[in-house]
Amino acid sequence: MVFILGVNFPERNLKSLESFFGIGPNVSARLLARFHIHPQAKVSELANPQVLDITAALSEMKIENDLRRQVLDNIKRLRDTGTYRGRRHALGLPVRGQNTRNQIKTAVRKNQVERRL
């Protein structure tokens, strides 16, 4: 069992880095390439210095609660300034120019899931 940033990772591959909020496939691949780790390597096969390097790199990045807080602050700023995007967020409507015809229920549901943490 390996601990990275206080999260316990069992015998899975390093795709488990993507379980952190804010780390996708591209960032994960860049981290693995930076520390010369094969993408198919298991977490249990990593040496202790490699785990410490990954942990140090992740601690420098803005992930999990810090990133969630930043996203919510950005949305709050848009609402407070009264921009078009802020009003769309407040109403729970699509923000990025999608049509609302026949899709309003899906759009509202998706907006609620993403914004209410």
PDB file of N, CA and C in Angstrom:
ATOM      1  N   MET A   1       0.832  -1.174   0.000  1.00  0.00           N
ATOM      2  CA  MET A   1       0.000   0.000   0.000  1.00  0.00           C
ATOM      3  C   MET A   1       0.890   1.255   0.000  1.00  0.00           C
ATOM      4  N   VAL A   2       0.551   2.180  -0.869  1.00  0.00           N
ATOM      5  CA  VAL A   2       1.342   3.386  -1.034  1.00  0.00           C
ATOM      6  C   VAL A   2       0.457   4.581  -0.712  1.00  0.00           C
ATOM      7  N   PHE A   3       1.008   5.525   0.043  1.00  0.00           N
ATOM      8  CA  PHE A   3       0.291   6.750   0.377  1.00  0.00           C
ATOM      9  C   PHE A   3       0.849   7.898  -0.444  1.00  0.00           C
ATOM     10  N   ILE A   4      -0.036   8.561  -1.194  1.00  0.00           N
ATOM     11  CA  ILE A   4       0.346   9.769  -1.915  1.00  0.00           C
ATOM     12  C   ILE A   4      -0.621  10.851  -1.487  1.00  0.00           C
ATOM     13  N   LEU A   5      -0.098  11.880  -0.842  1.00  0.00           N
ATOM     14  CA  LEU A   5      -0.899  12.979  -0.305  1.00  0.00           C
ATOM     15  C   LEU A   5      -2.004  12.480   0.617  1.00  0.00           C
ATOM     16  N   GLY A   6      -1.676  11.493   1.434  1.00  0.00           N
ATOM     17  CA  GLY A   6      -2.623  10.975   2.406  1.00  0.00           C
ATOM     18  C   GLY A   6      -3.679  10.048   1.851  1.00  0.00           C
ATOM     19  N   VAL A   7      -3.604   9.712   0.564  1.00  0.00           N
ATOM     20  CA  VAL A   7      -4.577   8.801  -0.047  1.00  0.00           C
ATOM     21  C   VAL A   7      -3.901   7.451  -0.233  1.00  0.00           C
ATOM     22  N   ASN A   8      -4.576   6.394   0.166  1.00  0.00           N
ATOM     23  CA  ASN A   8      -4.035   5.050   0.100  1.00  0.00           C
ATOM     24  C   ASN A   8      -4.340   4.439  -1.267  1.00  0.00           C
ATOM     25  N   PHE A   9      -3.304   4.035  -1.993  1.00  0.00           N
ATOM     26  CA  PHE A   9      -3.463   3.426  -3.308  1.00  0.00           C
ATOM     27  C   PHE A   9      -3.056   1.967  -3.241  1.00  0.00           C
ATOM     28  N   PRO A  10      -3.994   1.054  -3.519  1.00  0.00           N
ATOM     29  CA  PRO A  10      -3.648  -0.372  -3.525  1.00  0.00           C
ATOM     30  C   PRO A  10      -2.925  -0.756  -4.810  1.00  0.00           C
ATOM     31  N   GLU A  11      -2.930  -2.029  -5.160  1.00  0.00           N
ATOM     32  CA  GLU A  11      -2.185  -2.586  -6.289  1.00  0.00           C
ATOM     33  C   GLU A  11      -2.766  -2.196  -7.641  1.00  0.00           C
ATOM     34  N   ARG A  12      -2.910  -0.917  -7.916  1.00  0.00           N
ATOM     35  CA  ARG A  12      -3.437  -0.488  -9.212  1.00  0.00           C
ATOM     36  C   ARG A  12      -2.345   0.231  -9.975  1.00  0.00           C
ATOM     37  N   ASN A  13      -2.611   0.498 -11.235  1.00  0.00           N
ATOM     38  CA  ASN A  13      -1.612   1.213 -12.022  1.00  0.00           C
ATOM     39  C   ASN A  13      -1.661   2.703 -11.691  1.00  0.00           C
ATOM     40  N   LEU A  14      -0.785   3.476 -12.308  1.00  0.00           N
ATOM     41  CA  LEU A  14      -0.671   4.885 -11.945  1.00  0.00           C
ATOM     42  C   LEU A  14      -1.775   5.742 -12.545  1.00  0.00           C
ATOM     43  N   LYS A  15      -2.762   5.145 -13.181  1.00  0.00           N
ATOM     44  CA  LYS A  15      -3.934   5.907 -13.583  1.00  0.00           C
ATOM     45  C   LYS A  15      -4.651   6.424 -12.347  1.00  0.00           C
ATOM     46  N   SER A  16      -4.301   5.881 -11.191  1.00  0.00           N
ATOM     47  CA  SER A  16      -4.929   6.328  -9.959  1.00  0.00           C
ATOM     48  C   SER A  16      -4.564   7.777  -9.639  1.00  0.00           C
ATOM     49  N   LEU A  17      -3.528   8.323 -10.291  1.00  0.00           N
ATOM     50  CA  LEU A  17      -3.243   9.748 -10.125  1.00  0.00           C
ATOM     51  C   LEU A  17      -4.409  10.585 -10.619  1.00  0.00           C
ATOM     52  N   GLU A  18      -5.137  10.053 -11.585  1.00  0.00           N
ATOM     53  CA  GLU A  18      -6.269  10.776 -12.148  1.00  0.00           C
ATOM     54  C   GLU A  18      -7.455  10.812 -11.197  1.00  0.00           C
ATOM     55  N   SER A  19      -7.386  10.099 -10.079  1.00  0.00           N
ATOM     56  CA  SER A  19      -8.478  10.146  -9.110  1.00  0.00           C
ATOM     57  C   SER A  19      -8.480  11.466  -8.348  1.00  0.00           C
ATOM     58  N   PHE A  20      -7.376  12.207  -8.398  1.00  0.00           N
ATOM     59  CA  PHE A  20      -7.333  13.525  -7.771  1.00  0.00           C
ATOM     60  C   PHE A  20      -8.091  14.522  -8.638  1.00  0.00           C
ATOM     61  N   PHE A  21      -8.863  15.411  -8.012  1.00  0.00           N
ATOM     62  CA  PHE A  21      -9.590  16.441  -8.752  1.00  0.00           C
ATOM     63  C   PHE A  21      -8.576  17.421  -9.323  1.00  0.00           C
ATOM     64  N   GLY A  22      -8.616  17.618 -10.630  1.00  0.00           N
ATOM     65  CA  GLY A  22      -7.703  18.552 -11.276  1.00  0.00           C
ATOM     66  C   GLY A  22      -6.559  17.880 -12.004  1.00  0.00           C
ATOM     67  N   ILE A  23      -6.480  16.547 -11.929  1.00  0.00           N
ATOM     68  CA  ILE A  23      -5.440  15.824 -12.656  1.00  0.00           C
ATOM     69  C   ILE A  23      -6.116  14.907 -13.659  1.00  0.00           C
ATOM     70  N   GLY A  24      -5.879  15.182 -14.921  1.00  0.00           N
ATOM     71  CA  GLY A  24      -6.451  14.381 -15.989  1.00  0.00           C
ATOM     72  C   GLY A  24      -5.387  13.517 -16.634  1.00  0.00           C
ATOM     73  N   PRO A  25      -5.720  12.933 -17.771  1.00  0.00           N
ATOM     74  CA  PRO A  25      -4.761  12.041 -18.449  1.00  0.00           C
ATOM     75  C   PRO A  25      -3.499  12.759 -18.902  1.00  0.00           C
ATOM     76  N   ASN A  26      -3.614  14.001 -19.385  1.00  0.00           N
ATOM     77  CA  ASN A  26      -2.434  14.713 -19.865  1.00  0.00           C
ATOM     78  C   ASN A  26      -1.478  15.068 -18.740  1.00  0.00           C
ATOM     79  N   VAL A  27      -2.008  15.583 -17.636  1.00  0.00           N
ATOM     80  CA  VAL A  27      -1.154  15.954 -16.504  1.00  0.00           C
ATOM     81  C   VAL A  27      -0.519  14.708 -15.902  1.00  0.00           C
ATOM     82  N   SER A  28      -1.296  13.640 -15.811  1.00  0.00           N
ATOM     83  CA  SER A  28      -0.763  12.386 -15.282  1.00  0.00           C
ATOM     84  C   SER A  28       0.382  11.869 -16.155  1.00  0.00           C
ATOM     85  N   ALA A  29       0.189  11.893 -17.474  1.00  0.00           N
ATOM     86  CA  ALA A  29       1.238  11.426 -18.381  1.00  0.00           C
ATOM     87  C   ALA A  29       2.478  12.308 -18.290  1.00  0.00           C
ATOM     88  N   ARG A  30       2.289  13.616 -18.144  1.00  0.00           N
ATOM     89  CA  ARG A  30       3.432  14.519 -18.012  1.00  0.00           C
ATOM     90  C   ARG A  30       4.206  14.257 -16.725  1.00  0.00           C
ATOM     91  N   LEU A  31       3.490  13.999 -15.625  1.00  0.00           N
ATOM     92  CA  LEU A  31       4.167  13.696 -14.359  1.00  0.00           C
ATOM     93  C   LEU A  31       4.975  12.403 -14.462  1.00  0.00           C
ATOM     94  N   LEU A  32       4.382  11.380 -15.078  1.00  0.00           N
ATOM     95  CA  LEU A  32       5.084  10.109 -15.207  1.00  0.00           C
ATOM     96  C   LEU A  32       6.309  10.250 -16.098  1.00  0.00           C
ATOM     97  N   ALA A  33       6.192  11.027 -17.157  1.00  0.00           N
ATOM     98  CA  ALA A  33       7.344  11.226 -18.041  1.00  0.00           C
ATOM     99  C   ALA A  33       8.430  12.038 -17.347  1.00  0.00           C
ATOM    100  N   ARG A  34       8.021  12.981 -16.530  1.00  0.00           N
ATOM    101  CA  ARG A  34       8.992  13.832 -15.826  1.00  0.00           C
ATOM    102  C   ARG A  34       9.871  13.015 -14.874  1.00  0.00           C
ATOM    103  N   PHE A  35       9.284  11.990 -14.256  1.00  0.00           N
ATOM    104  CA  PHE A  35      10.041  11.184 -13.297  1.00  0.00           C
ATOM    105  C   PHE A  35      10.463   9.838 -13.876  1.00  0.00           C
ATOM    106  N   HIS A  36      10.362   9.685 -15.214  1.00  0.00           N
ATOM    107  CA  HIS A  36      10.817   8.490 -15.921  1.00  0.00           C
ATOM    108  C   HIS A  36      10.168   7.219 -15.363  1.00  0.00           C
ATOM    109  N   ILE A  37       8.841   7.255 -15.266  1.00  0.00           N
ATOM    110  CA  ILE A  37       8.071   6.103 -14.791  1.00  0.00           C
ATOM    111  C   ILE A  37       7.233   5.598 -15.957  1.00  0.00           C
ATOM    112  N   HIS A  38       7.253   4.305 -16.173  1.00  0.00           N
ATOM    113  CA  HIS A  38       6.487   3.717 -17.262  1.00  0.00           C
ATOM    114  C   HIS A  38       4.986   3.853 -16.958  1.00  0.00           C
ATOM    115  N   PRO A  39       4.176   4.223 -17.952  1.00  0.00           N
ATOM    116  CA  PRO A  39       2.743   4.430 -17.692  1.00  0.00           C
ATOM    117  C   PRO A  39       2.004   3.189 -17.201  1.00  0.00           C
ATOM    118  N   GLN A  40       2.491   1.996 -17.509  1.00  0.00           N
ATOM    119  CA  GLN A  40       1.820   0.777 -17.077  1.00  0.00           C
ATOM    120  C   GLN A  40       2.354   0.252 -15.746  1.00  0.00           C
ATOM    121  N   ALA A  41       3.265   0.982 -15.114  1.00  0.00           N
ATOM    122  CA  ALA A  41       3.842   0.530 -13.849  1.00  0.00           C
ATOM    123  C   ALA A  41       2.788   0.540 -12.747  1.00  0.00           C
ATOM    124  N   LYS A  42       2.890  -0.403 -11.851  1.00  0.00           N
ATOM    125  CA  LYS A  42       1.974  -0.478 -10.713  1.00  0.00           C
ATOM    126  C   LYS A  42       2.492   0.434  -9.602  1.00  0.00           C
ATOM    127  N   VAL A  43       1.584   0.916  -8.796  1.00  0.00           N
ATOM    128  CA  VAL A  43       1.966   1.807  -7.702  1.00  0.00           C
ATOM    129  C   VAL A  43       2.846   1.063  -6.706  1.00  0.00           C
ATOM    130  N   SER A  44       2.572  -0.212  -6.496  1.00  0.00           N
ATOM    131  CA  SER A  44       3.345  -0.983  -5.530  1.00  0.00           C
ATOM    132  C   SER A  44       4.773  -1.232  -6.000  1.00  0.00           C
ATOM    133  N   GLU A  45       5.043  -1.115  -7.322  1.00  0.00           N
ATOM    134  CA  GLU A  45       6.383  -1.353  -7.847  1.00  0.00           C
ATOM    135  C   GLU A  45       7.291  -0.135  -7.723  1.00  0.00           C
ATOM    136  N   LEU A  46       6.734   1.018  -7.357  1.00  0.00           N
ATOM    137  CA  LEU A  46       7.534   2.237  -7.290  1.00  0.00           C
ATOM    138  C   LEU A  46       8.460   2.211  -6.086  1.00  0.00           C
ATOM    139  N   ALA A  47       9.647   2.762  -6.281  1.00  0.00           N
ATOM    140  CA  ALA A  47      10.585   2.901  -5.170  1.00  0.00           C
ATOM    141  C   ALA A  47      10.156   4.088  -4.314  1.00  0.00           C
ATOM    142  N   ASN A  48      10.616   4.106  -3.091  1.00  0.00           N
ATOM    143  CA  ASN A  48      10.233   5.166  -2.164  1.00  0.00           C
ATOM    144  C   ASN A  48      10.634   6.556  -2.665  1.00  0.00           C
ATOM    145  N   PRO A  49      11.826   6.745  -3.255  1.00  0.00           N
ATOM    146  CA  PRO A  49      12.159   8.088  -3.766  1.00  0.00           C
ATOM    147  C   PRO A  49      11.212   8.555  -4.881  1.00  0.00           C
ATOM    148  N   GLN A  50      10.755   7.622  -5.716  1.00  0.00           N
ATOM    149  CA  GLN A  50       9.825   7.996  -6.778  1.00  0.00           C
ATOM    150  C   GLN A  50       8.487   8.454  -6.196  1.00  0.00           C
ATOM    151  N   VAL A  51       8.036   7.760  -5.165  1.00  0.00           N
ATOM    152  CA  VAL A  51       6.781   8.152  -4.512  1.00  0.00           C
ATOM    153  C   VAL A  51       6.927   9.528  -3.873  1.00  0.00           C
ATOM    154  N   LEU A  52       8.075   9.777  -3.264  1.00  0.00           N
ATOM    155  CA  LEU A  52       8.315  11.082  -2.644  1.00  0.00           C
ATOM    156  C   LEU A  52       8.385  12.186  -3.695  1.00  0.00           C
ATOM    157  N   ASP A  53       8.980  11.892  -4.852  1.00  0.00           N
ATOM    158  CA  ASP A  53       9.035  12.888  -5.930  1.00  0.00           C
ATOM    159  C   ASP A  53       7.639  13.224  -6.443  1.00  0.00           C
ATOM    160  N   ILE A  54       6.817  12.198  -6.649  1.00  0.00           N
ATOM    161  CA  ILE A  54       5.452  12.430  -7.115  1.00  0.00           C
ATOM    162  C   ILE A  54       4.661  13.223  -6.080  1.00  0.00           C
ATOM    163  N   THR A  55       4.823  12.878  -4.816  1.00  0.00           N
ATOM    164  CA  THR A  55       4.122  13.593  -3.747  1.00  0.00           C
ATOM    165  C   THR A  55       4.551  15.048  -3.699  1.00  0.00           C
ATOM    166  N   ALA A  56       5.852  15.309  -3.864  1.00  0.00           N
ATOM    167  CA  ALA A  56       6.339  16.687  -3.852  1.00  0.00           C
ATOM    168  C   ALA A  56       5.792  17.470  -5.039  1.00  0.00           C
ATOM    169  N   ALA A  57       5.740  16.840  -6.192  1.00  0.00           N
ATOM    170  CA  ALA A  57       5.208  17.523  -7.380  1.00  0.00           C
ATOM    171  C   ALA A  57       3.723  17.817  -7.214  1.00  0.00           C
ATOM    172  N   LEU A  58       2.978  16.875  -6.650  1.00  0.00           N
ATOM    173  CA  LEU A  58       1.543  17.093  -6.454  1.00  0.00           C
ATOM    174  C   LEU A  58       1.267  18.149  -5.399  1.00  0.00           C
ATOM    175  N   SER A  59       2.131  18.236  -4.391  1.00  0.00           N
ATOM    176  CA  SER A  59       1.905  19.236  -3.347  1.00  0.00           C
ATOM    177  C   SER A  59       2.137  20.653  -3.863  1.00  0.00           C
ATOM    178  N   GLU A  60       2.935  20.796  -4.932  1.00  0.00           N
ATOM    179  CA  GLU A  60       3.147  22.118  -5.522  1.00  0.00           C
ATOM    180  C   GLU A  60       1.981  22.542  -6.407  1.00  0.00           C
ATOM    181  N   MET A  61       1.201  21.557  -6.891  1.00  0.00           N
ATOM    182  CA  MET A  61       0.100  21.854  -7.804  1.00  0.00           C
ATOM    183  C   MET A  61      -1.147  22.228  -7.018  1.00  0.00           C
ATOM    184  N   LYS A  62      -2.048  22.926  -7.696  1.00  0.00           N
ATOM    185  CA  LYS A  62      -3.325  23.276  -7.087  1.00  0.00           C
ATOM    186  C   LYS A  62      -4.327  22.198  -7.480  1.00  0.00           C
ATOM    187  N   ILE A  63      -4.623  21.286  -6.549  1.00  0.00           N
ATOM    188  CA  ILE A  63      -5.539  20.185  -6.808  1.00  0.00           C
ATOM    189  C   ILE A  63      -6.502  20.062  -5.646  1.00  0.00           C
ATOM    190  N   GLU A  64      -7.490  19.199  -5.816  1.00  0.00           N
ATOM    191  CA  GLU A  64      -8.499  18.872  -4.807  1.00  0.00           C
ATOM    192  C   GLU A  64      -9.206  20.117  -4.275  1.00  0.00           C
ATOM    193  N   ASN A  65      -9.218  20.344  -2.975  1.00  0.00           N
ATOM    194  CA  ASN A  65     -10.037  21.398  -2.375  1.00  0.00           C
ATOM    195  C   ASN A  65      -9.608  22.795  -2.795  1.00  0.00           C
ATOM    196  N   ASP A  66      -8.305  23.018  -2.983  1.00  0.00           N
ATOM    197  CA  ASP A  66      -7.845  24.339  -3.418  1.00  0.00           C
ATOM    198  C   ASP A  66      -8.404  24.684  -4.795  1.00  0.00           C
ATOM    199  N   LEU A  67      -8.387  23.717  -5.696  1.00  0.00           N
ATOM    200  CA  LEU A  67      -8.899  23.946  -7.043  1.00  0.00           C
ATOM    201  C   LEU A  67     -10.412  24.108  -7.038  1.00  0.00           C
ATOM    202  N   ARG A  68     -11.099  23.301  -6.244  1.00  0.00           N
ATOM    203  CA  ARG A  68     -12.559  23.440  -6.134  1.00  0.00           C
ATOM    204  C   ARG A  68     -12.923  24.822  -5.610  1.00  0.00           C
ATOM    205  N   ARG A  69     -12.199  25.272  -4.593  1.00  0.00           N
ATOM    206  CA  ARG A  69     -12.456  26.591  -4.014  1.00  0.00           C
ATOM    207  C   ARG A  69     -12.208  27.691  -5.041  1.00  0.00           C
ATOM    208  N   GLN A  70     -11.161  27.548  -5.845  1.00  0.00           N
ATOM    209  CA  GLN A  70     -10.865  28.543  -6.870  1.00  0.00           C
ATOM    210  C   GLN A  70     -11.973  28.607  -7.921  1.00  0.00           C
ATOM    211  N   VAL A  71     -12.478  27.442  -8.347  1.00  0.00           N
ATOM    212  CA  VAL A  71     -13.558  27.402  -9.333  1.00  0.00           C
ATOM    213  C   VAL A  71     -14.813  28.076  -8.781  1.00  0.00           C
ATOM    214  N   LEU A  72     -15.156  27.748  -7.541  1.00  0.00           N
ATOM    215  CA  LEU A  72     -16.342  28.355  -6.935  1.00  0.00           C
ATOM    216  C   LEU A  72     -16.167  29.859  -6.743  1.00  0.00           C
ATOM    217  N   ASP A  73     -14.958  30.300  -6.392  1.00  0.00           N
ATOM    218  CA  ASP A  73     -14.698  31.743  -6.259  1.00  0.00           C
ATOM    219  C   ASP A  73     -14.820  32.447  -7.604  1.00  0.00           C
ATOM    220  N   ASN A  74     -14.359  31.810  -8.668  1.00  0.00           N
ATOM    221  CA  ASN A  74     -14.491  32.405 -10.004  1.00  0.00           C
ATOM    222  C   ASN A  74     -15.956  32.554 -10.389  1.00  0.00           C
ATOM    223  N   ILE A  75     -16.760  31.541 -10.098  1.00  0.00           N
ATOM    224  CA  ILE A  75     -18.190  31.608 -10.408  1.00  0.00           C
ATOM    225  C   ILE A  75     -18.860  32.691  -9.573  1.00  0.00           C
ATOM    226  N   LYS A  76     -18.476  32.775  -8.298  1.00  0.00           N
ATOM    227  CA  LYS A  76     -19.047  33.811  -7.421  1.00  0.00           C
ATOM    228  C   LYS A  76     -18.677  35.202  -7.913  1.00  0.00           C
ATOM    229  N   ARG A  77     -17.458  35.367  -8.393  1.00  0.00           N
ATOM    230  CA  ARG A  77     -17.020  36.656  -8.926  1.00  0.00           C
ATOM    231  C   ARG A  77     -17.843  37.026 -10.155  1.00  0.00           C
ATOM    232  N   LEU A  78     -18.102  36.049 -11.032  1.00  0.00           N
ATOM    233  CA  LEU A  78     -18.916  36.316 -12.209  1.00  0.00           C
ATOM    234  C   LEU A  78     -20.339  36.715 -11.821  1.00  0.00           C
ATOM    235  N   ARG A  79     -20.888  36.059 -10.802  1.00  0.00           N
ATOM    236  CA  ARG A  79     -22.233  36.404 -10.341  1.00  0.00           C
ATOM    237  C   ARG A  79     -22.265  37.814  -9.763  1.00  0.00           C
ATOM    238  N   ASP A  80     -21.262  38.131  -8.946  1.00  0.00           N
ATOM    239  CA  ASP A  80     -21.246  39.435  -8.281  1.00  0.00           C
ATOM    240  C   ASP A  80     -21.085  40.591  -9.264  1.00  0.00           C
ATOM    241  N   THR A  81     -20.302  40.391 -10.304  1.00  0.00           N
ATOM    242  CA  THR A  81     -20.111  41.460 -11.281  1.00  0.00           C
ATOM    243  C   THR A  81     -21.286  41.580 -12.232  1.00  0.00           C
ATOM    244  N   GLY A  82     -22.190  40.596 -12.234  1.00  0.00           N
ATOM    245  CA  GLY A  82     -23.388  40.673 -13.042  1.00  0.00           C
ATOM    246  C   GLY A  82     -23.156  40.396 -14.513  1.00  0.00           C
ATOM    247  N   THR A  83     -22.139  39.624 -14.835  1.00  0.00           N
ATOM    248  CA  THR A  83     -21.880  39.305 -16.233  1.00  0.00           C
ATOM    249  C   THR A  83     -22.926  38.334 -16.757  1.00  0.00           C
ATOM    250  N   TYR A  84     -22.953  38.186 -18.066  1.00  0.00           N
ATOM    251  CA  TYR A  84     -23.891  37.259 -18.701  1.00  0.00           C
ATOM    252  C   TYR A  84     -23.649  35.840 -18.198  1.00  0.00           C
ATOM    253  N   ARG A  85     -22.381  35.445 -18.162  1.00  0.00           N
ATOM    254  CA  ARG A  85     -22.057  34.101 -17.681  1.00  0.00           C
ATOM    255  C   ARG A  85     -22.470  33.917 -16.230  1.00  0.00           C
ATOM    256  N   GLY A  86     -22.303  34.966 -15.414  1.00  0.00           N
ATOM    257  CA  GLY A  86     -22.695  34.878 -14.015  1.00  0.00           C
ATOM    258  C   GLY A  86     -24.193  34.704 -13.850  1.00  0.00           C
ATOM    259  N   ARG A  87     -24.969  35.415 -14.673  1.00  0.00           N
ATOM    260  CA  ARG A  87     -26.426  35.265 -14.614  1.00  0.00           C
ATOM    261  C   ARG A  87     -26.843  33.873 -15.063  1.00  0.00           C
ATOM    262  N   ARG A  88     -26.182  33.333 -16.078  1.00  0.00           N
ATOM    263  CA  ARG A  88     -26.509  31.981 -16.535  1.00  0.00           C
ATOM    264  C   ARG A  88     -26.190  30.951 -15.443  1.00  0.00           C
ATOM    265  N   HIS A  89     -25.073  31.145 -14.730  1.00  0.00           N
ATOM    266  CA  HIS A  89     -24.745  30.255 -13.615  1.00  0.00           C
ATOM    267  C   HIS A  89     -25.819  30.344 -12.539  1.00  0.00           C
ATOM    268  N   ALA A  90     -26.233  31.566 -12.205  1.00  0.00           N
ATOM    269  CA  ALA A  90     -27.220  31.758 -11.148  1.00  0.00           C
ATOM    270  C   ALA A  90     -28.552  31.103 -11.494  1.00  0.00           C
ATOM    271  N   LEU A  91     -28.925  31.116 -12.773  1.00  0.00           N
ATOM    272  CA  LEU A  91     -30.185  30.512 -13.197  1.00  0.00           C
ATOM    273  C   LEU A  91     -30.063  29.013 -13.453  1.00  0.00           C
ATOM    274  N   GLY A  92     -28.838  28.508 -13.466  1.00  0.00           N
ATOM    275  CA  GLY A  92     -28.630  27.081 -13.715  1.00  0.00           C
ATOM    276  C   GLY A  92     -28.782  26.709 -15.172  1.00  0.00           C
ATOM    277  N   LEU A  93     -28.539  27.658 -16.065  1.00  0.00           N
ATOM    278  CA  LEU A  93     -28.659  27.422 -17.496  1.00  0.00           C
ATOM    279  C   LEU A  93     -27.288  27.161 -18.107  1.00  0.00           C
ATOM    280  N   PRO A  94     -27.240  26.662 -19.351  1.00  0.00           N
ATOM    281  CA  PRO A  94     -25.942  26.449 -19.997  1.00  0.00           C
ATOM    282  C   PRO A  94     -25.183  27.759 -20.120  1.00  0.00           C
ATOM    283  N   VAL A  95     -23.898  27.709 -19.856  1.00  0.00           N
ATOM    284  CA  VAL A  95     -23.096  28.916 -19.768  1.00  0.00           C
ATOM    285  C   VAL A  95     -22.315  29.169 -21.042  1.00  0.00           C
ATOM    286  N   ARG A  96     -21.919  28.145 -21.743  1.00  0.00           N
ATOM    287  CA  ARG A  96     -20.975  28.305 -22.849  1.00  0.00           C
ATOM    288  C   ARG A  96     -21.621  28.274 -24.224  1.00  0.00           C
ATOM    289  N   GLY A  97     -22.804  28.830 -24.347  1.00  0.00           N
ATOM    290  CA  GLY A  97     -23.398  29.011 -25.651  1.00  0.00           C
ATOM    291  C   GLY A  97     -24.207  27.848 -26.178  1.00  0.00           C
ATOM    292  N   GLN A  98     -24.466  26.822 -25.372  1.00  0.00           N
ATOM    293  CA  GLN A  98     -25.259  25.706 -25.847  1.00  0.00           C
ATOM    294  C   GLN A  98     -26.716  26.152 -26.013  1.00  0.00           C
ATOM    295  N   ASN A  99     -27.404  25.495 -26.919  1.00  0.00           N
ATOM    296  CA  ASN A  99     -28.826  25.764 -27.071  1.00  0.00           C
ATOM    297  C   ASN A  99     -29.588  25.172 -25.892  1.00  0.00           C
ATOM    298  N   THR A 100     -30.734  25.769 -25.585  1.00  0.00           N
ATOM    299  CA  THR A 100     -31.543  25.234 -24.492  1.00  0.00           C
ATOM    300  C   THR A 100     -32.790  24.548 -25.003  1.00  0.00           C
ATOM    301  N   ARG A 101     -33.013  24.537 -26.293  1.00  0.00           N
ATOM    302  CA  ARG A 101     -34.205  23.906 -26.841  1.00  0.00           C
ATOM    303  C   ARG A 101     -34.117  22.389 -26.656  1.00  0.00           C
ATOM    304  N   ASN A 102     -35.104  21.824 -26.024  1.00  0.00           N
ATOM    305  CA  ASN A 102     -35.224  20.389 -25.760  1.00  0.00           C
ATOM    306  C   ASN A 102     -34.107  19.843 -24.864  1.00  0.00           C
ATOM    307  N   GLN A 103     -33.273  20.698 -24.334  1.00  0.00           N
ATOM    308  CA  GLN A 103     -32.157  20.220 -23.518  1.00  0.00           C
ATOM    309  C   GLN A 103     -32.132  20.889 -22.156  1.00  0.00           C
ATOM    310  N   ILE A 104     -33.095  21.689 -21.838  1.00  0.00           N
ATOM    311  CA  ILE A 104     -33.009  22.508 -20.641  1.00  0.00           C
ATOM    312  C   ILE A 104     -32.896  21.660 -19.379  1.00  0.00           C
ATOM    313  N   LYS A 105     -33.601  20.526 -19.318  1.00  0.00           N
ATOM    314  CA  LYS A 105     -33.526  19.696 -18.114  1.00  0.00           C
ATOM    315  C   LYS A 105     -32.129  19.117 -17.945  1.00  0.00           C
ATOM    316  N   THR A 106     -31.541  18.642 -19.020  1.00  0.00           N
ATOM    317  CA  THR A 106     -30.199  18.071 -18.957  1.00  0.00           C
ATOM    318  C   THR A 106     -29.192  19.149 -18.588  1.00  0.00           C
ATOM    319  N   ALA A 107     -29.341  20.331 -19.194  1.00  0.00           N
ATOM    320  CA  ALA A 107     -28.393  21.407 -18.932  1.00  0.00           C
ATOM    321  C   ALA A 107     -28.462  21.851 -17.484  1.00  0.00           C
ATOM    322  N   VAL A 108     -29.659  22.001 -16.949  1.00  0.00           N
ATOM    323  CA  VAL A 108     -29.808  22.423 -15.559  1.00  0.00           C
ATOM    324  C   VAL A 108     -29.228  21.369 -14.624  1.00  0.00           C
ATOM    325  N   ARG A 109     -29.495  20.103 -14.920  1.00  0.00           N
ATOM    326  CA  ARG A 109     -28.985  19.036 -14.066  1.00  0.00           C
ATOM    327  C   ARG A 109     -27.462  19.013 -14.069  1.00  0.00           C
ATOM    328  N   LYS A 110     -26.853  19.141 -15.248  1.00  0.00           N
ATOM    329  CA  LYS A 110     -25.397  19.116 -15.322  1.00  0.00           C
ATOM    330  C   LYS A 110     -24.788  20.314 -14.611  1.00  0.00           C
ATOM    331  N   ASN A 111     -25.406  21.462 -14.749  1.00  0.00           N
ATOM    332  CA  ASN A 111     -24.884  22.656 -14.104  1.00  0.00           C
ATOM    333  C   ASN A 111     -24.952  22.508 -12.582  1.00  0.00           C
ATOM    334  N   GLN A 112     -26.015  21.907 -12.069  1.00  0.00           N
ATOM    335  CA  GLN A 112     -26.129  21.706 -10.623  1.00  0.00           C
ATOM    336  C   GLN A 112     -25.084  20.736 -10.125  1.00  0.00           C
ATOM    337  N   VAL A 113     -24.853  19.656 -10.848  1.00  0.00           N
ATOM    338  CA  VAL A 113     -23.890  18.645 -10.404  1.00  0.00           C
ATOM    339  C   VAL A 113     -22.491  19.231 -10.336  1.00  0.00           C
ATOM    340  N   GLU A 114     -22.128  20.039 -11.344  1.00  0.00           N
ATOM    341  CA  GLU A 114     -20.778  20.575 -11.383  1.00  0.00           C
ATOM    342  C   GLU A 114     -20.552  21.668 -10.352  1.00  0.00           C
ATOM    343  N   ARG A 115     -21.560  22.468 -10.074  1.00  0.00           N
ATOM    344  CA  ARG A 115     -21.350  23.681  -9.284  1.00  0.00           C
ATOM    345  C   ARG A 115     -21.649  23.508  -7.801  1.00  0.00           C
ATOM    346  N   ARG A 116     -22.436  22.527  -7.441  1.00  0.00           N
ATOM    347  CA  ARG A 116     -22.791  22.372  -6.028  1.00  0.00           C
ATOM    348  C   ARG A 116     -21.899  21.318  -5.407  1.00  0.00           C
ATOM    349  N   LEU A 117     -20.905  21.733  -4.636  1.00  0.00           N
ATOM    350  CA  LEU A 117     -19.959  20.780  -4.041  1.00  0.00           C
ATOM    351  C   LEU A 117     -20.113  20.700  -2.559  1.00  0.00           C
TER     352      LEU A 117
END
